[in-house]
Amino acid sequence: MSSISDTHDQAPAMSSGLKQPYHLVDPSPWPIVGAVGGLFTVLGIIFVAHYKNYTMLIIGLAVVLATMFVWWRDVLRESRTPGLHSPVVRLGLRYGMLLFISSEVMFFVAFFWAYFNFALFPEHVSGAKALVWPPEGIITIAPFAVPFLNTMILLLSGTTVTWAHHSLLAGNRSGLVRGLGLTVVLGLCFTALQANEYAHSPFAFGGSVYPSVFFLATGFHGFHVIVGTLFLIVCFFRARAGQFTPERHFGFEAAAWYWHFVDVVWLFLFSCIYWWGAGPVTAG
């Protein structure tokens, strides 16, 4: 999503035939193809739930992933075309990324709302034997075991991606590549530790409200960590190819913003769900 060229910043977009500072994209098949892939994915989930048939789900996910790849490839090609990503277009890209992250914030607000609704008012839990949270019989995960280690990993990854950003601004390409590489490794470590935590969890998904809220909140965060790691992997290879300059590197900036958002959400998850919500009995 970032441009390489440092020249022609003020050149108007000409693909529309009009002299104006906005880039009106050429006709593209990817929006409708992506919509069809999304439809197949949703129908595939229904077929899996009711008939244990994975064919449509696999086809839908393959179409969605392929659409993401070719669509973003086209955006990168546009960014390398002089005049298309003018200053006002790049400003719009920044606003778009900020609005996207804002929507993700509200996405997690819903999970925290659900959690505190039951944690502060446990009488809402159907069939609860006592007005306590976590519900009776739930053995929670020890907060200062794997969750705390993952917290330190994510905080460290926030410093490495910031190091990479400052190296880029200083024109230090090797520092940029090393910082991105370390951030990717730390993101993979976080995902591996969370997968191990799920494999040895003292409770399973479903059965009561606590496991449902826990796995939804932490699981969707884990999904965002995977997405952010993929984002940074792309930036890592682009950085090695010399496609970022101190003046033109919005693709990297967007990835760094997203990664810091992931860090902050985890701090709330650790503080509220793992630490504050820990029960009298924990499994390390």
Foldseek 3Di string as FASTA:
>chain_A
DWAQDPPLQVFAAPPVPDRDQAADDDDDPLVVQLVVLVVLLVVQVVCCVPPVDNVSNVSSVVSNVVSVVVVVVVVHVQRHDRRHCHVVNVVVVVVVLVVVLVVVVVVLVVLVVLVCVCQVAVVPWPPQPDNHPPGPPAAAAALPDLLVVLLVLLVVLLVLLVQLLVCQLVVNLVSVLVSLVSSLVSLVVSLVSVVVCQVPPPDHQDPTDLNVSLCVNVVVLNVLSVVLSVLSVVVNVCSVVVRGHSVMDVSSVSSSVSSVSSSVSSVCCSVVCNPVRHDPHHDD
